C-alpha atoms as a PDB file:
ATOM      1  CA  MET A   1     -18.798   6.236   1.378  1.00  0.00           C
ATOM      2  CA  ILE A   2     -17.061   5.765  -2.000  1.00  0.00           C
ATOM      3  CA  ILE A   3     -14.874   8.747  -2.912  1.00  0.00           C
ATOM      4  CA  PRO A   4     -14.737   9.854  -6.585  1.00  0.00           C
ATOM      5  CA  PHE A   5     -11.310   9.108  -8.091  1.00  0.00           C
ATOM      6  CA  ARG A   6      -9.592   9.411 -11.428  1.00  0.00           C
ATOM      7  CA  PHE A   7      -7.455   6.450 -12.351  1.00  0.00           C
ATOM      8  CA  GLU A   8      -4.102   6.004 -14.055  1.00  0.00           C
ATOM      9  CA  MET A   9      -2.756   2.649 -15.237  1.00  0.00           C
ATOM     10  CA  PRO A  10       1.041   2.860 -15.409  1.00  0.00           C
ATOM     11  CA  TYR A  11       1.469  -0.773 -14.359  1.00  0.00           C
ATOM     12  CA  SER A  12      -1.085  -2.576 -16.533  1.00  0.00           C
ATOM     13  CA  PRO A  13      -3.012  -1.794 -19.731  1.00  0.00           C
ATOM     14  CA  ASP A  14      -6.193  -3.004 -18.033  1.00  0.00           C
ATOM     15  CA  LEU A  15      -7.919  -2.026 -14.815  1.00  0.00           C
ATOM     16  CA  SER A  16      -9.955  -4.492 -12.824  1.00  0.00           C
ATOM     17  CA  ALA A  17     -11.507  -4.221  -9.394  1.00  0.00           C
ATOM     18  CA  ARG A  18     -14.009  -6.057  -7.238  1.00  0.00           C
ATOM     19  CA  ILE A  19     -15.863  -4.280  -4.451  1.00  0.00           C
ATOM     20  CA  GLU A  20     -18.081  -5.887  -1.818  1.00  0.00           C
ATOM     21  CA  ALA A  21     -19.764  -3.546   0.651  1.00  0.00           C
ATOM     22  CA  LEU A  22     -21.863  -3.967   3.769  1.00  0.00           C
ATOM     23  CA  ALA A  23     -23.496  -1.134   5.711  1.00  0.00           C
ATOM     24  CA  LEU A  24     -23.352  -1.529   9.493  1.00  0.00           C
ATOM     25  CA  GLY A  25     -25.226   1.480  10.788  1.00  0.00           C
ATOM     26  CA  PRO A  26     -22.690   4.307  11.133  1.00  0.00           C
ATOM     27  CA  ILE A  27     -19.942   2.523   9.181  1.00  0.00           C
ATOM     28  CA  THR A  28     -19.655   0.805   5.809  1.00  0.00           C
ATOM     29  CA  VAL A  29     -17.199  -2.064   5.395  1.00  0.00           C
ATOM     30  CA  MET A  30     -15.784  -2.556   1.903  1.00  0.00           C
ATOM     31  CA  HIS A  31     -13.565  -5.377   0.650  1.00  0.00           C
ATOM     32  CA  VAL A  32     -11.741  -4.112  -2.435  1.00  0.00           C
ATOM     33  CA  ALA A  33      -9.411  -6.208  -4.601  1.00  0.00           C
ATOM     34  CA  GLY A  34      -7.987  -5.517  -8.039  1.00  0.00           C
ATOM     35  CA  SER A  35      -5.118  -4.746 -10.368  1.00  0.00           C
ATOM     36  CA  PRO A  36      -2.238  -2.239  -9.990  1.00  0.00           C
ATOM     37  CA  HIS A  37      -3.089   1.419 -10.591  1.00  0.00           C
ATOM     38  CA  ILE A  38      -2.754   4.976  -9.373  1.00  0.00           C
ATOM     39  CA  ALA A  39      -5.920   6.681  -8.133  1.00  0.00           C
ATOM     40  CA  ARG A  40      -6.148  10.383  -7.360  1.00  0.00           C
ATOM     41  CA  SER A  41      -8.748  12.551  -5.679  1.00  0.00           C
ATOM     42  CA  THR A  42      -8.032  16.147  -6.643  1.00  0.00           C
ATOM     43  CA  LYS A  43     -10.090  19.307  -6.220  1.00  0.00           C
ATOM     44  CA  ASP A  44     -12.254  18.301  -9.179  1.00  0.00           C
ATOM     45  CA  GLU A  45     -13.122  14.942  -7.643  1.00  0.00           C
ATOM     46  CA  ILE A  46     -13.641  16.471  -4.196  1.00  0.00           C
ATOM     47  CA  SER A  47     -16.162  18.941  -5.665  1.00  0.00           C
ATOM     48  CA  ARG A  48     -18.245  15.980  -6.937  1.00  0.00           C
ATOM     49  CA  GLN A  49     -18.622  14.334  -3.530  1.00  0.00           C
ATOM     50  CA  SER A  50     -22.139  13.970  -2.209  1.00  0.00           C
ATOM     51  CA  ALA A  51     -20.932  14.188   1.397  1.00  0.00           C
ATOM     52  CA  ARG A  52     -17.718  14.298   3.399  1.00  0.00           C
ATOM     53  CA  CYS A  53     -16.528  10.993   4.772  1.00  0.00           C
ATOM     54  CA  LEU A  54     -13.557   9.453   6.538  1.00  0.00           C
ATOM     55  CA  ASN A  55     -12.007   6.180   5.432  1.00  0.00           C
ATOM     56  CA  LEU A  56      -9.776   3.739   7.281  1.00  0.00           C
ATOM     57  CA  VAL A  57      -7.747   1.976   4.580  1.00  0.00           C
ATOM     58  CA  LEU A  58      -5.659  -1.187   5.064  1.00  0.00           C
ATOM     59  CA  SER A  59      -3.820  -3.415   2.592  1.00  0.00           C
ATOM     60  CA  ARG A  60      -3.916  -7.066   3.576  1.00  0.00           C
ATOM     61  CA  ASN A  61      -1.228  -8.258   1.163  1.00  0.00           C
ATOM     62  CA  VAL A  62       1.063  -5.647  -0.451  1.00  0.00           C
ATOM     63  CA  PRO A  63       2.972  -2.439   0.319  1.00  0.00           C
ATOM     64  CA  TRP A  64       1.723   0.726  -1.375  1.00  0.00           C
ATOM     65  CA  ASN A  65       2.185   4.493  -1.383  1.00  0.00           C
ATOM     66  CA  LEU A  66      -0.311   7.033  -0.093  1.00  0.00           C
ATOM     67  CA  GLY A  67      -0.113  10.681  -1.035  1.00  0.00           C
ATOM     68  CA  TYR A  68      -1.784  12.684   1.726  1.00  0.00           C
ATOM     69  CA  GLY A  69      -0.110  16.052   2.093  1.00  0.00           C
ATOM     70  CA  SER A  70       3.194  14.176   1.798  1.00  0.00           C
ATOM     71  CA  ARG A  71       4.113  10.709   0.588  1.00  0.00           C
ATOM     72  CA  VAL A  72       3.482   7.931   3.105  1.00  0.00           C
ATOM     73  CA  ALA A  73       5.081   4.509   2.551  1.00  0.00           C
ATOM     74  CA  MET A  74       2.408   2.043   3.640  1.00  0.00           C
ATOM     75  CA  ARG A  75       3.336  -1.507   4.537  1.00  0.00           C
ATOM     76  CA  SER A  76       1.112  -4.528   4.282  1.00  0.00           C
ATOM     77  CA  MET A  77      -1.124  -4.551   7.405  1.00  0.00           C
ATOM     78  CA  ASP A  78      -0.615  -0.828   8.084  1.00  0.00           C
ATOM     79  CA  SER A  79      -3.734   1.342   8.171  1.00  0.00           C
ATOM     80  CA  PHE A  80      -4.402   5.034   7.627  1.00  0.00           C
ATOM     81  CA  ILE A  81      -7.477   7.224   8.163  1.00  0.00           C
ATOM     82  CA  THR A  82      -8.129   9.709   5.351  1.00  0.00           C
ATOM     83  CA  ASP A  83     -10.529  12.634   5.081  1.00  0.00           C
ATOM     84  CA  SER A  84     -12.330  12.911   1.747  1.00  0.00           C
ATOM     85  CA  VAL A  85     -11.978  16.719   1.662  1.00  0.00           C
ATOM     86  CA  GLN A  86      -8.175  16.311   1.533  1.00  0.00           C
ATOM     87  CA  GLU A  87      -6.499  15.711  -1.837  1.00  0.00           C
ATOM     88  CA  LEU A  88      -4.944  12.265  -1.908  1.00  0.00           C
ATOM     89  CA  SER A  89      -3.478   9.590  -4.160  1.00  0.00           C
ATOM     90  CA  LEU A  90      -3.083   5.823  -3.933  1.00  0.00           C
ATOM     91  CA  ASP A  91      -0.145   4.285  -5.805  1.00  0.00           C
ATOM     92  CA  ILE A  92      -0.501   0.486  -5.835  1.00  0.00           C
ATOM     93  CA  ALA A  93       2.067  -1.413  -7.912  1.00  0.00           C
ATOM     94  CA  PHE A  94       0.790  -4.960  -7.238  1.00  0.00           C
ATOM     95  CA  ASP A  95      -2.484  -6.898  -7.299  1.00  0.00           C
ATOM     96  CA  TYR A  96      -4.042  -5.782  -4.046  1.00  0.00           C
ATOM     97  CA  ASP A  97      -6.502  -6.885  -1.376  1.00  0.00           C
ATOM     98  CA  PHE A  98      -7.777  -3.949   0.724  1.00  0.00           C
ATOM     99  CA  VAL A  99     -10.255  -3.372   3.503  1.00  0.00           C
ATOM    100  CA  ASN A 100     -11.772   0.113   3.385  1.00  0.00           C
ATOM    101  CA  ILE A 101     -14.057   1.222   6.213  1.00  0.00           C
ATOM    102  CA  GLY A 102     -16.034   4.387   5.636  1.00  0.00           C
ATOM    103  CA  PHE A 103     -17.671   6.497   8.335  1.00  0.00           C
ATOM    104  CA  ASP A 104     -18.469  10.125   9.049  1.00  0.00           C
ATOM    105  CA  ALA A 105     -16.700  12.514  11.389  1.00  0.00           C
ATOM    106  CA  GLN A 106     -19.632  12.503  13.810  1.00  0.00           C
ATOM    107  CA  TRP A 107     -19.248   8.768  14.522  1.00  0.00           C
ATOM    108  CA  LEU A 108     -15.492   9.111  15.019  1.00  0.00           C
ATOM    109  CA  GLY A 109     -16.124  12.081  17.318  1.00  0.00           C
ATOM    110  CA  GLU A 110     -18.216   9.881  19.585  1.00  0.00           C
ATOM    111  CA  TRP A 111     -15.057   7.900  20.297  1.00  0.00           C
ATOM    112  CA  ILE A 112     -12.303  10.485  19.907  1.00  0.00           C
ATOM    113  CA  PRO A 113     -12.998  14.075  20.988  1.00  0.00           C
ATOM    114  CA  ARG A 114     -10.026  15.289  18.932  1.00  0.00           C
ATOM    115  CA  ALA A 115     -10.379  13.597  15.547  1.00  0.00           C
ATOM    116  CA  GLY A 116      -6.997  14.982  14.537  1.00  0.00           C
ATOM    117  CA  ALA A 117      -5.398  12.349  16.756  1.00  0.00           C
ATOM    118  CA  ALA A 118      -6.578   9.693  14.302  1.00  0.00           C
ATOM    119  CA  VAL A 119      -7.201  11.335  10.912  1.00  0.00           C
ATOM    120  CA  GLY A 120      -4.059  11.575   8.807  1.00  0.00           C
ATOM    121  CA  ARG A 121      -2.152   9.126  11.003  1.00  0.00           C
ATOM    122  CA  GLN A 122      -0.451   5.899   9.978  1.00  0.00           C
ATOM    123  CA  PHE A 123      -1.117   2.977  12.306  1.00  0.00           C
ATOM    124  CA  GLY A 124       1.683   0.432  12.011  1.00  0.00           C
ATOM    125  CA  ALA A 125       3.633  -2.301  13.720  1.00  0.00           C
ATOM    126  CA  ASP A 126       5.449   0.108  16.067  1.00  0.00           C
ATOM    127  CA  SER A 127       2.376   0.260  18.308  1.00  0.00           C
ATOM    128  CA  GLN A 128       0.734  -2.671  20.099  1.00  0.00           C
ATOM    129  CA  TRP A 129      -2.754  -1.187  19.900  1.00  0.00           C
ATOM    130  CA  SER A 130      -2.239  -0.347  16.223  1.00  0.00           C
ATOM    131  CA  VAL A 131      -1.374  -4.003  15.592  1.00  0.00           C
ATOM    132  CA  ALA A 132      -4.582  -5.006  17.399  1.00  0.00           C
ATOM    133  CA  LEU A 133      -6.590  -2.486  15.351  1.00  0.00           C
ATOM    134  CA  ASN A 134      -5.111  -3.623  12.055  1.00  0.00           C
ATOM    135  CA  THR A 135      -5.561  -7.326  12.822  1.00  0.00           C
ATOM    136  CA  PHE A 136      -9.219  -6.686  13.620  1.00  0.00           C
ATOM    137  CA  VAL A 137      -9.768  -4.571  10.479  1.00  0.00           C
ATOM    138  CA  ALA A 138      -8.083  -7.173   8.249  1.00  0.00           C
ATOM    139  CA  ALA A 139     -10.678  -9.725   9.349  1.00  0.00           C
ATOM    140  CA  LEU A 140     -13.609  -7.462   8.451  1.00  0.00           C
ATOM    141  CA  GLU A 141     -15.242  -8.232   5.146  1.00  0.00           C
ATOM    142  CA  PRO A 142     -18.947  -8.627   4.362  1.00  0.00           C
ATOM    143  CA  ASP A 143     -19.061 -12.454   4.362  1.00  0.00           C
ATOM    144  CA  THR A 144     -17.185 -12.890   7.636  1.00  0.00           C
ATOM    145  CA  ILE A 145     -19.258 -10.183   9.334  1.00  0.00           C
ATOM    146  CA  LEU A 146     -22.521 -11.864   8.303  1.00  0.00           C
ATOM    147  CA  ARG A 147     -21.265 -15.165   9.758  1.00  0.00           C
ATOM    148  CA  ALA A 148     -19.944 -13.614  12.986  1.00  0.00           C
ATOM    149  CA  PRO A 149     -21.665 -14.826  16.205  1.00  0.00           C
ATOM    150  CA  LEU A 150     -21.969 -11.242  17.454  1.00  0.00           C
ATOM    151  CA  PRO A 151     -24.427  -8.435  16.733  1.00  0.00           C
ATOM    152  CA  PRO A 152     -23.022  -5.968  14.152  1.00  0.00           C
ATOM    153  CA  ARG A 153     -23.257  -3.149  16.696  1.00  0.00           C
ATOM    154  CA  LEU A 154     -20.677  -4.870  18.896  1.00  0.00           C
ATOM    155  CA  LEU A 155     -18.272  -5.050  15.937  1.00  0.00           C
ATOM    156  CA  VAL A 156     -18.820  -1.361  15.256  1.00  0.00           C
ATOM    157  CA  ASP A 157     -18.127  -0.502  18.902  1.00  0.00           C
ATOM    158  CA  GLN A 158     -15.025  -2.709  18.881  1.00  0.00           C
ATOM    159  CA  LEU A 159     -13.701  -0.768  15.889  1.00  0.00           C
ATOM    160  CA  GLY A 160     -14.297   2.565  17.617  1.00  0.00           C
ATOM    161  CA  ALA A 161     -12.623   1.385  20.814  1.00  0.00           C
ATOM    162  CA  LEU A 162      -9.539   0.114  18.957  1.00  0.00           C
ATOM    163  CA  ILE A 163      -9.192   3.349  16.989  1.00  0.00           C
ATOM    164  CA  LEU A 164      -9.321   5.237  20.294  1.00  0.00           C
ATOM    165  CA  LEU A 165      -6.675   3.005  21.878  1.00  0.00           C
ATOM    166  CA  ALA A 166      -4.373   3.147  18.838  1.00  0.00           C
ATOM    167  CA  SER A 167      -4.737   6.933  18.594  1.00  0.00           C
ATOM    168  CA  SER A 168      -3.937   7.384  22.274  1.00  0.00           C
ATOM    169  CA  GLU A 169      -0.730   5.368  22.159  1.00  0.00           C
ATOM    170  CA  PRO A 170       2.402   7.321  21.176  1.00  0.00           C
ATOM    171  CA  ALA A 171       4.620   5.870  18.475  1.00  0.00           C
ATOM    172  CA  GLN A 172       7.420   3.844  20.013  1.00  0.00           C
ATOM    173  CA  ILE A 173      11.029   4.840  19.433  1.00  0.00           C
ATOM    174  CA  THR A 174      12.891   2.055  17.654  1.00  0.00           C
ATOM    175  CA  THR A 175      16.498   1.126  18.273  1.00  0.00           C
ATOM    176  CA  LEU A 176      18.908  -0.720  16.020  1.00  0.00           C
ATOM    177  CA  SER A 177      19.097  -3.993  17.903  1.00  0.00           C
ATOM    178  CA  ARG A 178      19.295  -7.088  15.718  1.00  0.00           C
ATOM    179  CA  ALA A 179      15.532  -7.701  16.005  1.00  0.00           C
ATOM    180  CA  THR A 180      14.580  -4.142  15.110  1.00  0.00           C
ATOM    181  CA  SER A 181      17.168  -4.073  12.338  1.00  0.00           C
ATOM    182  CA  ILE A 182      15.411  -7.020  10.738  1.00  0.00           C
ATOM    183  CA  SER A 183      12.061  -5.282  11.176  1.00  0.00           C
ATOM    184  CA  LEU A 184      13.440  -2.081   9.661  1.00  0.00           C
ATOM    185  CA  ARG A 185      14.916  -4.095   6.806  1.00  0.00           C
ATOM    186  CA  GLU A 186      11.406  -5.342   5.999  1.00  0.00           C
ATOM    187  CA  ARG A 187      10.089  -1.779   6.037  1.00  0.00           C
ATOM    188  CA  ILE A 188      12.886  -0.692   3.698  1.00  0.00           C
ATOM    189  CA  LEU A 189      12.130  -3.588   1.384  1.00  0.00           C
ATOM    190  CA  ASP A 190       8.399  -2.826   1.393  1.00  0.00           C
ATOM    191  CA  CYS A 191       9.103   0.805   0.504  1.00  0.00           C
ATOM    192  CA  ILE A 192      11.458  -0.216  -2.319  1.00  0.00           C
ATOM    193  CA  ARG A 193       8.863  -2.638  -3.690  1.00  0.00           C
ATOM    194  CA  SER A 194       6.103  -0.047  -3.614  1.00  0.00           C
ATOM    195  CA  ARG A 195       8.206   2.637  -5.360  1.00  0.00           C
ATOM    196  CA  CYS A 196      10.565   0.592  -7.534  1.00  0.00           C
ATOM    197  CA  THR A 197       8.889   1.565 -10.812  1.00  0.00           C
ATOM    198  CA  GLU A 198       9.972   5.188 -10.273  1.00  0.00           C
ATOM    199  CA  VAL A 199      12.902   5.727 -12.629  1.00  0.00           C
ATOM    200  CA  MET A 200      14.766   8.162 -10.352  1.00  0.00           C
ATOM    201  CA  LEU A 201      14.209   6.308  -7.066  1.00  0.00           C
ATOM    202  CA  ALA A 202      17.283   6.487  -4.810  1.00  0.00           C
ATOM    203  CA  ALA A 203      18.175   5.604  -1.232  1.00  0.00           C
ATOM    204  CA  PRO A 204      17.618   9.144   0.169  1.00  0.00           C
ATOM    205  CA  GLN A 205      13.971   9.090  -0.971  1.00  0.00           C
ATOM    206  CA  VAL A 206      13.308   5.753   0.730  1.00  0.00           C
ATOM    207  CA  ALA A 207      15.078   6.915   3.887  1.00  0.00           C
ATOM    208  CA  GLN A 208      12.942  10.059   3.940  1.00  0.00           C
ATOM    209  CA  ASP A 209       9.731   8.026   3.558  1.00  0.00           C
ATOM    210  CA  LEU A 210      10.721   5.890   6.548  1.00  0.00           C
ATOM    211  CA  GLY A 211      11.978   8.768   8.710  1.00  0.00           C
ATOM    212  CA  ILE A 212      15.518   7.421   8.978  1.00  0.00           C
ATOM    213  CA  SER A 213      18.925   8.623   7.791  1.00  0.00           C
ATOM    214  CA  VAL A 214      20.518   7.338   4.597  1.00  0.00           C
ATOM    215  CA  ARG A 215      23.399   6.051   6.718  1.00  0.00           C
ATOM    216  CA  THR A 216      20.984   4.010   8.837  1.00  0.00           C
ATOM    217  CA  LEU A 217      19.347   2.594   5.719  1.00  0.00           C
ATOM    218  CA  HIS A 218      22.659   1.404   4.287  1.00  0.00           C
ATOM    219  CA  ARG A 219      23.812   0.096   7.682  1.00  0.00           C
ATOM    220  CA  VAL A 220      20.658  -1.997   8.162  1.00  0.00           C
ATOM    221  CA  LEU A 221      20.974  -3.510   4.686  1.00  0.00           C
ATOM    222  CA  ALA A 222      24.684  -4.163   5.162  1.00  0.00           C
ATOM    223  CA  SER A 223      23.911  -6.078   8.367  1.00  0.00           C
ATOM    224  CA  GLN A 224      21.925  -8.489   6.170  1.00  0.00           C
ATOM    225  CA  ASN A 225      24.657  -8.552   3.445  1.00  0.00           C
ATOM    226  CA  GLU A 226      22.435  -6.573   1.083  1.00  0.00           C
ATOM    227  CA  THR A 227      22.677  -3.313  -0.868  1.00  0.00           C
ATOM    228  CA  PHE A 228      20.055  -0.806  -1.875  1.00  0.00           C
ATOM    229  CA  GLY A 229      20.935  -1.134  -5.558  1.00  0.00           C
ATOM    230  CA  PHE A 230      20.553  -4.908  -5.580  1.00  0.00           C
ATOM    231  CA  LEU A 231      17.164  -4.806  -3.806  1.00  0.00           C
ATOM    232  CA  LEU A 232      15.905  -2.099  -6.172  1.00  0.00           C
ATOM    233  CA  MET A 233      16.898  -4.090  -9.264  1.00  0.00           C
ATOM    234  CA  LYS A 234      15.400  -7.278  -7.830  1.00  0.00           C
ATOM    235  CA  ALA A 235      12.100  -5.532  -7.084  1.00  0.00           C
ATOM    236  CA  ARG A 236      11.929  -4.213 -10.637  1.00  0.00           C
ATOM    237  CA  ILE A 237      12.781  -7.600 -12.114  1.00  0.00           C
ATOM    238  CA  ASP A 238      10.139  -9.318  -9.965  1.00  0.00           C
ATOM    239  CA  ILE A 239       7.455  -7.033 -11.445  1.00  0.00           C
ATOM    240  CA  ALA A 240       8.821  -7.577 -14.968  1.00  0.00           C
ATOM    241  CA  VAL A 241       8.705 -11.369 -14.531  1.00  0.00           C
ATOM    242  CA  ARG A 242       5.061 -11.200 -13.422  1.00  0.00           C
ATOM    243  CA  GLN A 243       4.112  -9.021 -16.375  1.00  0.00           C
ATOM    244  CA  LEU A 244       6.009 -11.120 -18.936  1.00  0.00           C
ATOM    245  CA  SER A 245       4.381 -14.238 -17.487  1.00  0.00           C
ATOM    246  CA  SER A 246       0.848 -12.857 -17.750  1.00  0.00           C
ATOM    247  CA  PRO A 247      -1.283 -12.841 -20.946  1.00  0.00           C
ATOM    248  CA  ALA A 248      -2.752  -9.525 -19.755  1.00  0.00           C
ATOM    249  CA  PHE A 249       0.462  -7.787 -20.857  1.00  0.00           C
ATOM    250  CA  ASP A 250       0.906  -9.478 -24.260  1.00  0.00           C
ATOM    251  CA  ARG A 251      -0.080  -6.234 -26.018  1.00  0.00           C
ATOM    252  CA  LEU A 252       3.019  -4.556 -24.585  1.00  0.00           C
ATOM    253  CA  THR A 253       6.471  -4.978 -26.097  1.00  0.00           C
ATOM    254  CA  VAL A 254       9.302  -6.255 -23.924  1.00  0.00           C
ATOM    255  CA  GLY A 255      10.815  -2.768 -23.980  1.00  0.00           C
ATOM    256  CA  ALA A 256       7.542  -1.197 -22.850  1.00  0.00           C
ATOM    257  CA  ILE A 257       7.363  -3.578 -19.901  1.00  0.00           C
ATOM    258  CA  GLY A 258      10.940  -2.685 -18.979  1.00  0.00           C
ATOM    259  CA  ARG A 259      10.084   1.020 -18.984  1.00  0.00           C
ATOM    260  CA  ARG A 260       6.992   0.410 -16.853  1.00  0.00           C
ATOM    261  CA  CYS A 261       9.214  -1.371 -14.345  1.00  0.00           C
ATOM    262  CA  GLY A 262      11.665   1.547 -14.013  1.00  0.00           C
ATOM    263  CA  PHE A 263      14.249   0.823 -16.743  1.00  0.00           C
ATOM    264  CA  THR A 264      14.958   3.627 -19.207  1.00  0.00           C
ATOM    265  CA  ASP A 265      17.230   1.630 -21.523  1.00  0.00           C
ATOM    266  CA  ASP A 266      16.089  -1.571 -23.275  1.00  0.00           C
ATOM    267  CA  SER A 267      19.555  -3.129 -23.447  1.00  0.00           C
ATOM    268  CA  HIS A 268      20.187  -2.425 -19.755  1.00  0.00           C
ATOM    269  CA  PHE A 269      16.846  -4.026 -18.921  1.00  0.00           C
ATOM    270  CA  THR A 270      17.809  -7.136 -20.903  1.00  0.00           C
ATOM    271  CA  ARG A 271      21.237  -7.409 -19.244  1.00  0.00           C
ATOM    272  CA  VAL A 272      19.907  -7.003 -15.708  1.00  0.00           C
ATOM    273  CA  PHE A 273      17.014  -9.370 -16.390  1.00  0.00           C
ATOM    274  CA  ARG A 274      19.310 -12.101 -17.712  1.00  0.00           C
ATOM    275  CA  ARG A 275      21.643 -11.689 -14.718  1.00  0.00           C
ATOM    276  CA  HIS A 276      18.774 -12.141 -12.256  1.00  0.00           C
ATOM    277  CA  VAL A 277      16.574 -14.665 -14.085  1.00  0.00           C
ATOM    278  CA  GLY A 278      19.020 -16.555 -16.286  1.00  0.00           C
ATOM    279  CA  VAL A 279      17.224 -15.848 -19.571  1.00  0.00           C
ATOM    280  CA  THR A 280      16.344 -12.725 -21.538  1.00  0.00           C
ATOM    281  CA  PRO A 281      12.896 -11.125 -21.180  1.00  0.00           C
ATOM    282  CA  LEU A 282      12.015 -12.114 -24.743  1.00  0.00           C
ATOM    283  CA  ALA A 283      13.047 -15.722 -24.095  1.00  0.00           C
ATOM    284  CA  LEU A 284      10.840 -15.874 -21.004  1.00  0.00           C
ATOM    285  CA  ARG A 285       7.850 -14.591 -22.953  1.00  0.00           C
ATOM    286  CA  ARG A 286       8.454 -16.971 -25.864  1.00  0.00           C
ATOM    287  CA  ALA A 287       8.747 -19.925 -23.507  1.00  0.00           C
ATOM    288  CA  ARG A 288       5.308 -19.117 -22.091  1.00  0.00           C
ATOM    289  CA  LEU A 289       3.791 -18.754 -25.565  1.00  0.00           C
ATOM    290  CA  ALA A 290       5.382 -21.950 -26.919  1.00  0.00           C
END
């Protein structure tokens, strides 16, 4: 159920990952945690697959970007079902904690006659059954399954039933009430965090990822006394602080870290960093090493 990938490491000079897997008859539950990276499955990787498989992927802790035909901004606790014969990419800018459930199309077909209703679909907080599905999936990891007071087959059937219910429920139309504005603000922030290392990132790209207008994006942020530019800079600085505070990045110069975090100019990086943190990037690193 593991798809061949090629990896890129734009966020860290090292790649680490831990995978725990448990086969439960027609499905395999994997708990995957590791360091930031970009993983791609292109035609070359697809040709090396031993068999086609579907995967339900969920991040339990961080936003990330999925390339699956088009770019999909995934929030923490959103899930997505991918097909291994489709080219895809995973762009994860933070240390992550994922649940990945692999199964074949035949098993999904036993629950959903039209697999297209589930494959290639994002299941998020705009649907009550999607929330139920994602909460259930987030709790699935090998250790907890082995300790569960239920036969594994019941857990497998529960997963199939929740996928069916989530796939059958149409996405709800959101309005800009105060409550939904706050919810949309969190989605905007998650998208900014997951894409902030892109040098040319701008508000129209985030709005397009979220399916809203640029005007709506700015209006939601303004209602919280925030601006897109400030949130983008803060997201970049947050990543820079983590990297400068970690021995894993000591081989990189301060300028190299700035460029990895989306800054093209070293002096601009230093000015923005000092404004947000109160000290220069070099001073922060030296303080840790002292």
